[in-house]
Amino acid sequence: MIDVKDKKSVCVSGLGFIGLPTACVLATSGYSVLGVDINPEVVNHIQSLKFTLSEPNLQLLLENAITSGNLKISTKVEAADIHIIAVPTPLTSDHKPNLSYLNIAVDALIPHLRTRDLVLIESTLPIGTTESMAQKLHKYNPEIYIAYCPERILPGNIVHELTHNDRVIGGINEDSALKAVNFYKSFVHGDIITTNARTAEAVKLAENTYRDINIAYANELSMIADHLNVNITELIHIANKHPRVHIHNPGPGVGGHCIPLSPWFLASSTPPLTQLITKAREINNNKTKWVIEKIRKTIKENNARVVACLGLTYKPNVPDLRESPALMIVDALEKEAMVLRVDPYFPDTIPLQEAIAKADLLIGLVAHREFQDIASHEITGKMLLDFAGVFE
């Protein structure tokens, strides 16, 4: 908690999966926070406090932040001691980083910058972006501090990880890094590592790309095992007994906002040097297509009329559909049979027991903890396809 006499104002631009929790954490830590989003509908929903946030503890945190008066929500940027930019940086259709939201956010805060203000960017960025944004900002005010500090959180545990994970800070100069460190130290309990902005950008991309490449190996191995009639679960379990081997669990592809996108941020900067990275992306995308074709073949060969797809989210135990391969698979099967969508995180889907009773074919796509209690006698006589360890 910051000292009242040192209370500073913070403006958070972008109230999505990162921006809103960040604004709430800062407001409940004693900062005077303005949360900004250019979407009026988002602003109205947050201000109303009538919608339910799926992230654990975030609903209560938001209510406390707003009722305390420390958090206000708006569509317009205002002057503040600290500006945090947490806007989306999606990909274009040809896998290039789309920085339009970042540019809008930077342009919006320029008229409000004052000498010695601190500007922090938390969005995922191509390497060198913070430096280019700094050049733009310094044309208007050369006496501001600028740093890059990527988020490193896990959906489903965002509130805790925002304050307890280690943070990497890349300043455009030493003074900016120091200013950013002092700010994050006021509410972060994890270690804070400093470097330059370019390295901090690369660290974020490298972390996500490392995971994508390792998942690609597991997914490719699962397709090989299927072709050669080898149990992939047993294979990985035994292989991981080796003290220097840790093969990931395969799945129907790779989803979420970070892992499928970050590799393209690296590849777009140096295409000739990223053959492994782009190949891993191709493998993970092809795994989803492979799963669809395998299901289609099974439906056709067995004349399956009702198919229950277990899991829609991009990973287990979170209500998050962003870039979900499971959802892509389910959508692709709609013309093949009657598809029953089953996911405990979405109440408008079919209850698990009802789906099991009605379906000819059960397909495991996401290993939610709620699926762990399926008894063997419940699925006796059912056709099973499991791409995520749901029925193990």
Foldseek 3Di string as FASTA:
>chain_A
DDDLVPAWEEEEEACPPQRVLVQLLVLVLRHQYEYAYQDVVVQVVLVVLPDDDQAPPSSVSSVVSVVVNSYHYYNADAATLEYEYAHEFFADPVQETRCPSVVVVLVRCLVRDDAAREYEYAYQAQQPPQVVSLVVSVVSPVRYWYKYKHQDDDGNCRNVCLAEPEIEIATCDPVNRVVVVVVNVSRHPYHYHYDHRRVNSVVLLVVLLVVLLLQLVQLVVVVVCVVVVHDSVVVQVVVPVPVPDHRDHHAQAAFDRRNLRSLSSVCVVPVVPSPSSVVSSVSRVVSLVVVLVVVLVVCVVVVWAEEEEADQDQAAPHPHNGRRSSVVSQVSCVVRHHYFYHDPSDVVGDDPLVSLVPGQEYEYHYQYVVLQPDDPVSNPNHHYHYRGPSPD
